[in-house]
Amino acid sequence: VALIAEGVEILQAALARDRLGEFQAQAAIAALHA
């Protein structure tokens, strides 16, 4: 859960910049599974 929380926090900060790329999109899918 610590890695999941860290990953989600990093992803949310990246998505907030509105410069979507493939790794952010893949991370969003992984976050929905988590």
PDB file of all heavy atoms in Angstrom:
ATOM      1  N   VAL A   1       0.824  -1.212   0.000  1.00  0.00           N
ATOM      2  CA  VAL A   1       0.000   0.000   0.000  1.00  0.00           C
ATOM      3  C   VAL A   1       0.861   1.266   0.000  1.00  0.00           C
ATOM      4  O   VAL A   1       0.436   2.314  -0.524  1.00  0.00           O
ATOM      5  CB  VAL A   1      -0.970   0.005   1.202  1.00  0.00           C
ATOM      6  CG1 VAL A   1      -2.006  -1.097   1.060  1.00  0.00           C
ATOM      7  CG2 VAL A   1      -0.221  -0.128   2.521  1.00  0.00           C
ATOM      8  N   ALA A   2       2.060   1.210   0.570  1.00  0.00           N
ATOM      9  CA  ALA A   2       2.934   2.385   0.577  1.00  0.00           C
ATOM     10  C   ALA A   2       3.388   2.725  -0.838  1.00  0.00           C
ATOM     11  O   ALA A   2       3.385   3.901  -1.246  1.00  0.00           O
ATOM     12  CB  ALA A   2       4.135   2.150   1.485  1.00  0.00           C
ATOM     13  N   LEU A   3       3.775   1.696  -1.610  1.00  0.00           N
ATOM     14  CA  LEU A   3       4.170   1.938  -2.998  1.00  0.00           C
ATOM     15  C   LEU A   3       2.987   2.430  -3.821  1.00  0.00           C
ATOM     16  O   LEU A   3       3.138   3.304  -4.691  1.00  0.00           O
ATOM     17  CB  LEU A   3       4.744   0.664  -3.620  1.00  0.00           C
ATOM     18  CG  LEU A   3       6.179   0.278  -3.245  1.00  0.00           C
ATOM     19  CD1 LEU A   3       6.599  -0.965  -4.014  1.00  0.00           C
ATOM     20  CD2 LEU A   3       7.145   1.418  -3.515  1.00  0.00           C
ATOM     21  N   ILE A   4       1.798   1.854  -3.581  1.00  0.00           N
ATOM     22  CA  ILE A   4       0.604   2.298  -4.307  1.00  0.00           C
ATOM     23  C   ILE A   4       0.314   3.766  -3.998  1.00  0.00           C
ATOM     24  O   ILE A   4       0.065   4.573  -4.909  1.00  0.00           O
ATOM     25  CB  ILE A   4      -0.611   1.423  -3.950  1.00  0.00           C
ATOM     26  CG1 ILE A   4      -0.430   0.007  -4.528  1.00  0.00           C
ATOM     27  CG2 ILE A   4      -1.909   2.039  -4.477  1.00  0.00           C
ATOM     28  CD1 ILE A   4      -1.479  -0.982  -4.087  1.00  0.00           C
ATOM     29  N   ALA A   5       0.356   4.136  -2.721  1.00  0.00           N
ATOM     30  CA  ALA A   5       0.078   5.523  -2.341  1.00  0.00           C
ATOM     31  C   ALA A   5       1.088   6.475  -2.972  1.00  0.00           C
ATOM     32  O   ALA A   5       0.729   7.553  -3.474  1.00  0.00           O
ATOM     33  CB  ALA A   5       0.097   5.656  -0.818  1.00  0.00           C
ATOM     34  N   GLU A   6       2.357   6.079  -2.966  1.00  0.00           N
ATOM     35  CA  GLU A   6       3.380   6.936  -3.571  1.00  0.00           C
ATOM     36  C   GLU A   6       3.156   7.059  -5.070  1.00  0.00           C
ATOM     37  O   GLU A   6       3.249   8.151  -5.646  1.00  0.00           O
ATOM     38  CB  GLU A   6       4.775   6.389  -3.287  1.00  0.00           C
ATOM     39  CG  GLU A   6       5.877   7.301  -3.794  1.00  0.00           C
ATOM     40  CD  GLU A   6       7.270   6.694  -3.674  1.00  0.00           C
ATOM     41  OE1 GLU A   6       7.401   5.532  -3.258  1.00  0.00           O
ATOM     42  OE2 GLU A   6       8.242   7.419  -4.005  1.00  0.00           O
ATOM     43  N   GLY A   7       2.861   5.924  -5.721  1.00  0.00           N
ATOM     44  CA  GLY A   7       2.631   5.953  -7.165  1.00  0.00           C
ATOM     45  C   GLY A   7       1.445   6.815  -7.544  1.00  0.00           C
ATOM     46  O   GLY A   7       1.506   7.596  -8.512  1.00  0.00           O
ATOM     47  N   VAL A   8       0.344   6.717  -6.800  1.00  0.00           N
ATOM     48  CA  VAL A   8      -0.854   7.516  -7.084  1.00  0.00           C
ATOM     49  C   VAL A   8      -0.567   9.002  -6.881  1.00  0.00           C
ATOM     50  O   VAL A   8      -0.976   9.850  -7.693  1.00  0.00           O
ATOM     51  CB  VAL A   8      -2.034   7.054  -6.208  1.00  0.00           C
ATOM     52  CG1 VAL A   8      -3.190   8.039  -6.295  1.00  0.00           C
ATOM     53  CG2 VAL A   8      -2.498   5.661  -6.631  1.00  0.00           C
ATOM     54  N   GLU A   9       0.156   9.324  -5.828  1.00  0.00           N
ATOM     55  CA  GLU A   9       0.483  10.731  -5.559  1.00  0.00           C
ATOM     56  C   GLU A   9       1.338  11.321  -6.681  1.00  0.00           C
ATOM     57  O   GLU A   9       1.092  12.447  -7.155  1.00  0.00           O
ATOM     58  CB  GLU A   9       1.213  10.850  -4.224  1.00  0.00           C
ATOM     59  CG  GLU A   9       1.560  12.287  -3.841  1.00  0.00           C
ATOM     60  CD  GLU A   9       2.293  12.375  -2.507  1.00  0.00           C
ATOM     61  OE1 GLU A   9       2.540  11.323  -1.885  1.00  0.00           O
ATOM     62  OE2 GLU A   9       2.631  13.510  -2.102  1.00  0.00           O
ATOM     63  N   ILE A  10       2.340  10.573  -7.127  1.00  0.00           N
ATOM     64  CA  ILE A  10       3.199  11.043  -8.218  1.00  0.00           C
ATOM     65  C   ILE A  10       2.388  11.191  -9.506  1.00  0.00           C
ATOM     66  O   ILE A  10       2.533  12.177 -10.243  1.00  0.00           O
ATOM     67  CB  ILE A  10       4.371  10.067  -8.422  1.00  0.00           C
ATOM     68  CG1 ILE A  10       5.320  10.115  -7.218  1.00  0.00           C
ATOM     69  CG2 ILE A  10       5.142  10.386  -9.705  1.00  0.00           C
ATOM     70  CD1 ILE A  10       6.369   9.020  -7.211  1.00  0.00           C
ATOM     71  N   LEU A  11       1.500  10.227  -9.770  1.00  0.00           N
ATOM     72  CA  LEU A  11       0.680  10.276 -10.980  1.00  0.00           C
ATOM     73  C   LEU A  11      -0.251  11.482 -10.969  1.00  0.00           C
ATOM     74  O   LEU A  11      -0.385  12.185 -11.982  1.00  0.00           O
ATOM     75  CB  LEU A  11      -0.131   8.988 -11.104  1.00  0.00           C
ATOM     76  CG  LEU A  11      -1.177   8.961 -12.219  1.00  0.00           C
ATOM     77  CD1 LEU A  11      -0.508   9.090 -13.584  1.00  0.00           C
ATOM     78  CD2 LEU A  11      -2.015   7.687 -12.141  1.00  0.00           C
ATOM     79  N   GLN A  12      -0.928  11.725  -9.856  1.00  0.00           N
ATOM     80  CA  GLN A  12      -1.854  12.850  -9.783  1.00  0.00           C
ATOM     81  C   GLN A  12      -1.147  14.176 -10.036  1.00  0.00           C
ATOM     82  O   GLN A  12      -1.674  15.051 -10.734  1.00  0.00           O
ATOM     83  CB  GLN A  12      -2.554  12.857  -8.424  1.00  0.00           C
ATOM     84  CG  GLN A  12      -3.565  11.732  -8.256  1.00  0.00           C
ATOM     85  CD  GLN A  12      -4.139  11.667  -6.852  1.00  0.00           C
ATOM     86  OE1 GLN A  12      -3.556  12.180  -5.898  1.00  0.00           O
ATOM     87  NE2 GLN A  12      -5.299  11.012  -6.712  1.00  0.00           N
ATOM     88  N   ALA A  13       0.055  14.321  -9.507  1.00  0.00           N
ATOM     89  CA  ALA A  13       0.820  15.550  -9.733  1.00  0.00           C
ATOM     90  C   ALA A  13       1.193  15.694 -11.207  1.00  0.00           C
ATOM     91  O   ALA A  13       1.158  16.806 -11.767  1.00  0.00           O
ATOM     92  CB  ALA A  13       2.072  15.554  -8.866  1.00  0.00           C
ATOM     93  N   ALA A  14       1.539  14.585 -11.852  1.00  0.00           N
ATOM     94  CA  ALA A  14       1.899  14.627 -13.277  1.00  0.00           C
ATOM     95  C   ALA A  14       0.685  14.951 -14.139  1.00  0.00           C
ATOM     96  O   ALA A  14       0.755  15.785 -15.052  1.00  0.00           O
ATOM     97  CB  ALA A  14       2.518  13.299 -13.692  1.00  0.00           C
ATOM     98  N   LEU A  15      -0.453  14.304 -13.869  1.00  0.00           N
ATOM     99  CA  LEU A  15      -1.661  14.545 -14.656  1.00  0.00           C
ATOM    100  C   LEU A  15      -2.150  15.982 -14.514  1.00  0.00           C
ATOM    101  O   LEU A  15      -2.723  16.551 -15.457  1.00  0.00           O
ATOM    102  CB  LEU A  15      -2.771  13.570 -14.238  1.00  0.00           C
ATOM    103  CG  LEU A  15      -2.557  12.097 -14.592  1.00  0.00           C
ATOM    104  CD1 LEU A  15      -3.663  11.239 -13.997  1.00  0.00           C
ATOM    105  CD2 LEU A  15      -2.496  11.904 -16.112  1.00  0.00           C
ATOM    106  N   ALA A  16      -1.921  16.589 -13.346  1.00  0.00           N
ATOM    107  CA  ALA A  16      -2.375  17.962 -13.107  1.00  0.00           C
ATOM    108  C   ALA A  16      -1.681  18.960 -14.027  1.00  0.00           C
ATOM    109  O   ALA A  16      -2.177  20.079 -14.218  1.00  0.00           O
ATOM    110  CB  ALA A  16      -2.129  18.336 -11.644  1.00  0.00           C
ATOM    111  N   ARG A  17      -0.557  18.563 -14.616  1.00  0.00           N
ATOM    112  CA  ARG A  17       0.180  19.461 -15.500  1.00  0.00           C
ATOM    113  C   ARG A  17      -0.394  19.473 -16.912  1.00  0.00           C
ATOM    114  O   ARG A  17       0.046  20.233 -17.767  1.00  0.00           O
ATOM    115  CB  ARG A  17       1.659  19.077 -15.513  1.00  0.00           C
ATOM    116  CG  ARG A  17       2.284  19.147 -14.125  1.00  0.00           C
ATOM    117  CD  ARG A  17       3.710  18.676 -14.107  1.00  0.00           C
ATOM    118  NE  ARG A  17       4.589  19.552 -14.871  1.00  0.00           N
ATOM    119  CZ  ARG A  17       5.901  19.406 -14.939  1.00  0.00           C
ATOM    120  NH1 ARG A  17       6.486  18.417 -14.271  1.00  0.00           N
ATOM    121  NH2 ARG A  17       6.633  20.234 -15.645  1.00  0.00           N
ATOM    122  N   ASP A  18      -1.354  18.573 -17.191  1.00  0.00           N
ATOM    123  CA  ASP A  18      -2.082  18.555 -18.467  1.00  0.00           C
ATOM    124  C   ASP A  18      -1.149  18.397 -19.671  1.00  0.00           C
ATOM    125  O   ASP A  18      -1.303  19.060 -20.695  1.00  0.00           O
ATOM    126  CB  ASP A  18      -2.920  19.829 -18.609  1.00  0.00           C
ATOM    127  CG  ASP A  18      -4.035  19.668 -19.659  1.00  0.00           C
ATOM    128  OD1 ASP A  18      -4.439  18.517 -19.904  1.00  0.00           O
ATOM    129  OD2 ASP A  18      -4.471  20.686 -20.218  1.00  0.00           O
ATOM    130  N   ARG A  19      -0.156  17.528 -19.504  1.00  0.00           N
ATOM    131  CA  ARG A  19       0.735  17.184 -20.618  1.00  0.00           C
ATOM    132  C   ARG A  19       0.779  15.650 -20.690  1.00  0.00           C
ATOM    133  O   ARG A  19       1.770  15.013 -20.393  1.00  0.00           O
ATOM    134  CB  ARG A  19       2.132  17.763 -20.401  1.00  0.00           C
ATOM    135  CG  ARG A  19       2.204  19.276 -20.526  1.00  0.00           C
ATOM    136  CD  ARG A  19       3.532  19.810 -20.029  1.00  0.00           C
ATOM    137  NE  ARG A  19       4.680  19.187 -20.714  1.00  0.00           N
ATOM    138  CZ  ARG A  19       5.936  19.307 -20.291  1.00  0.00           C
ATOM    139  NH1 ARG A  19       6.202  20.004 -19.183  1.00  0.00           N
ATOM    140  NH2 ARG A  19       6.919  18.727 -20.948  1.00  0.00           N
ATOM    141  N   LEU A  20      -0.353  15.077 -21.107  1.00  0.00           N
ATOM    142  CA  LEU A  20      -0.526  13.626 -21.060  1.00  0.00           C
ATOM    143  C   LEU A  20       0.428  12.917 -22.014  1.00  0.00           C
ATOM    144  O   LEU A  20       0.608  13.329 -23.159  1.00  0.00           O
ATOM    145  CB  LEU A  20      -1.969  13.252 -21.413  1.00  0.00           C
ATOM    146  CG  LEU A  20      -2.323  11.762 -21.316  1.00  0.00           C
ATOM    147  CD1 LEU A  20      -2.206  11.279 -19.884  1.00  0.00           C
ATOM    148  CD2 LEU A  20      -3.735  11.511 -21.849  1.00  0.00           C
ATOM    149  N   GLY A  21       1.034  11.842 -21.527  1.00  0.00           N
ATOM    150  CA  GLY A  21       1.870  10.971 -22.339  1.00  0.00           C
ATOM    151  C   GLY A  21       1.516   9.529 -22.058  1.00  0.00           C
ATOM    152  O   GLY A  21       0.706   9.227 -21.171  1.00  0.00           O
ATOM    153  N   GLU A  22       2.137   8.626 -22.807  1.00  0.00           N
ATOM    154  CA  GLU A  22       1.744   7.218 -22.708  1.00  0.00           C
ATOM    155  C   GLU A  22       2.028   6.617 -21.340  1.00  0.00           C
ATOM    156  O   GLU A  22       1.256   5.778 -20.862  1.00  0.00           O
ATOM    157  CB  GLU A  22       2.425   6.391 -23.791  1.00  0.00           C
ATOM    158  CG  GLU A  22       3.934   6.325 -23.714  1.00  0.00           C
ATOM    159  CD  GLU A  22       4.503   5.312 -24.701  1.00  0.00           C
ATOM    160  OE1 GLU A  22       4.208   4.102 -24.555  1.00  0.00           O
ATOM    161  OE2 GLU A  22       5.247   5.730 -25.611  1.00  0.00           O
ATOM    162  N   PHE A  23       3.109   7.027 -20.681  1.00  0.00           N
ATOM    163  CA  PHE A  23       3.407   6.431 -19.380  1.00  0.00           C
ATOM    164  C   PHE A  23       2.415   6.899 -18.314  1.00  0.00           C
ATOM    165  O   PHE A  23       2.034   6.132 -17.433  1.00  0.00           O
ATOM    166  CB  PHE A  23       4.846   6.740 -18.969  1.00  0.00           C
ATOM    167  CG  PHE A  23       5.868   6.106 -19.865  1.00  0.00           C
ATOM    168  CD1 PHE A  23       6.808   6.868 -20.536  1.00  0.00           C
ATOM    169  CD2 PHE A  23       5.882   4.731 -20.055  1.00  0.00           C
ATOM    170  CE1 PHE A  23       7.742   6.271 -21.369  1.00  0.00           C
ATOM    171  CE2 PHE A  23       6.802   4.130 -20.896  1.00  0.00           C
ATOM    172  CZ  PHE A  23       7.736   4.902 -21.556  1.00  0.00           C
ATOM    173  N   GLN A  24       1.984   8.153 -18.406  1.00  0.00           N
ATOM    174  CA  GLN A  24       0.951   8.613 -17.482  1.00  0.00           C
ATOM    175  C   GLN A  24      -0.352   7.842 -17.707  1.00  0.00           C
ATOM    176  O   GLN A  24      -1.038   7.469 -16.746  1.00  0.00           O
ATOM    177  CB  GLN A  24       0.708  10.110 -17.667  1.00  0.00           C
ATOM    178  CG  GLN A  24       1.892  10.991 -17.290  1.00  0.00           C
ATOM    179  CD  GLN A  24       1.670  12.418 -17.743  1.00  0.00           C
ATOM    180  OE1 GLN A  24       0.831  13.122 -17.181  1.00  0.00           O
ATOM    181  NE2 GLN A  24       2.404  12.840 -18.761  1.00  0.00           N
ATOM    182  N   ALA A  25      -0.697   7.606 -18.977  1.00  0.00           N
ATOM    183  CA  ALA A  25      -1.929   6.867 -19.281  1.00  0.00           C
ATOM    184  C   ALA A  25      -1.851   5.430 -18.760  1.00  0.00           C
ATOM    185  O   ALA A  25      -2.813   4.903 -18.178  1.00  0.00           O
ATOM    186  CB  ALA A  25      -2.195   6.879 -20.783  1.00  0.00           C
ATOM    187  N   GLN A  26      -0.702   4.791 -18.957  1.00  0.00           N
ATOM    188  CA  GLN A  26      -0.537   3.429 -18.431  1.00  0.00           C
ATOM    189  C   GLN A  26      -0.607   3.410 -16.909  1.00  0.00           C
ATOM    190  O   GLN A  26      -1.179   2.505 -16.306  1.00  0.00           O
ATOM    191  CB  GLN A  26       0.798   2.856 -18.891  1.00  0.00           C
ATOM    192  CG  GLN A  26       0.854   2.469 -20.354  1.00  0.00           C
ATOM    193  CD  GLN A  26       2.089   1.657 -20.668  1.00  0.00           C
ATOM    194  OE1 GLN A  26       2.344   0.630 -20.055  1.00  0.00           O
ATOM    195  NE2 GLN A  26       2.867   2.119 -21.622  1.00  0.00           N
ATOM    196  N   ALA A  27      -0.012   4.427 -16.286  1.00  0.00           N
ATOM    197  CA  ALA A  27      -0.046   4.501 -14.821  1.00  0.00           C
ATOM    198  C   ALA A  27      -1.476   4.704 -14.332  1.00  0.00           C
ATOM    199  O   ALA A  27      -1.864   4.171 -13.279  1.00  0.00           O
ATOM    200  CB  ALA A  27       0.847   5.635 -14.332  1.00  0.00           C
ATOM    201  N   ALA A  28      -2.283   5.480 -15.068  1.00  0.00           N
ATOM    202  CA  ALA A  28      -3.683   5.683 -14.684  1.00  0.00           C
ATOM    203  C   ALA A  28      -4.449   4.359 -14.709  1.00  0.00           C
ATOM    204  O   ALA A  28      -5.284   4.097 -13.826  1.00  0.00           O
ATOM    205  CB  ALA A  28      -4.330   6.700 -15.619  1.00  0.00           C
ATOM    206  N   ILE A  29      -4.170   3.518 -15.690  1.00  0.00           N
ATOM    207  CA  ILE A  29      -4.809   2.199 -15.750  1.00  0.00           C
ATOM    208  C   ILE A  29      -4.376   1.351 -14.558  1.00  0.00           C
ATOM    209  O   ILE A  29      -5.208   0.707 -13.899  1.00  0.00           O
ATOM    210  CB  ILE A  29      -4.459   1.500 -17.088  1.00  0.00           C
ATOM    211  CG1 ILE A  29      -5.096   2.258 -18.257  1.00  0.00           C
ATOM    212  CG2 ILE A  29      -4.907   0.044 -17.068  1.00  0.00           C
ATOM    213  CD1 ILE A  29      -4.600   1.813 -19.620  1.00  0.00           C
ATOM    214  N   ALA A  30      -3.083   1.368 -14.261  1.00  0.00           N
ATOM    215  CA  ALA A  30      -2.578   0.600 -13.111  1.00  0.00           C
ATOM    216  C   ALA A  30      -3.189   1.111 -11.811  1.00  0.00           C
ATOM    217  O   ALA A  30      -3.491   0.325 -10.899  1.00  0.00           O
ATOM    218  CB  ALA A  30      -1.053   0.691 -13.058  1.00  0.00           C
ATOM    219  N   ALA A  31      -3.377   2.424 -11.719  1.00  0.00           N
ATOM    220  CA  ALA A  31      -3.962   2.997 -10.501  1.00  0.00           C
ATOM    221  C   ALA A  31      -5.414   2.557 -10.327  1.00  0.00           C
ATOM    222  O   ALA A  31      -5.870   2.316  -9.193  1.00  0.00           O
ATOM    223  CB  ALA A  31      -3.871   4.519 -10.550  1.00  0.00           C
ATOM    224  N   LEU A  32      -6.161   2.447 -11.413  1.00  0.00           N
ATOM    225  CA  LEU A  32      -7.550   1.985 -11.325  1.00  0.00           C
ATOM    226  C   LEU A  32      -7.610   0.536 -10.845  1.00  0.00           C
ATOM    227  O   LEU A  32      -8.505   0.162 -10.070  1.00  0.00           O
ATOM    228  CB  LEU A  32      -8.242   2.136 -12.680  1.00  0.00           C
ATOM    229  CG  LEU A  32      -8.598   3.579 -13.071  1.00  0.00           C
ATOM    230  CD1 LEU A  32      -8.985   3.658 -14.539  1.00  0.00           C
ATOM    231  CD2 LEU A  32      -9.738   4.092 -12.192  1.00  0.00           C
ATOM    232  N   HIS A  33      -6.677  -0.291 -11.299  1.00  0.00           N
ATOM    233  CA  HIS A  33      -6.615  -1.671 -10.780  1.00  0.00           C
ATOM    234  C   HIS A  33      -6.276  -1.663  -9.295  1.00  0.00           C
ATOM    235  O   HIS A  33      -6.880  -2.402  -8.505  1.00  0.00           O
ATOM    236  CB  HIS A  33      -5.566  -2.471 -11.552  1.00  0.00           C
ATOM    237  CG  HIS A  33      -6.012  -2.913 -12.908  1.00  0.00           C
ATOM    238  ND1 HIS A  33      -7.075  -3.754 -13.095  1.00  0.00           N
ATOM    239  CD2 HIS A  33      -5.519  -2.630 -14.142  1.00  0.00           C
ATOM    240  CE1 HIS A  33      -7.238  -3.985 -14.405  1.00  0.00           C
ATOM    241  NE2 HIS A  33      -6.303  -3.309 -15.060  1.00  0.00           N
ATOM    242  N   ALA A  34      -5.320  -0.819  -8.910  1.00  0.00           N
ATOM    243  CA  ALA A  34      -4.899  -0.770  -7.501  1.00  0.00           C
ATOM    244  C   ALA A  34      -6.004  -0.237  -6.608  1.00  0.00           C
ATOM    245  O   ALA A  34      -6.077  -0.595  -5.422  1.00  0.00           O
ATOM    246  CB  ALA A  34      -3.648   0.102  -7.367  1.00  0.00           C
TER     247      ALA A  34
END
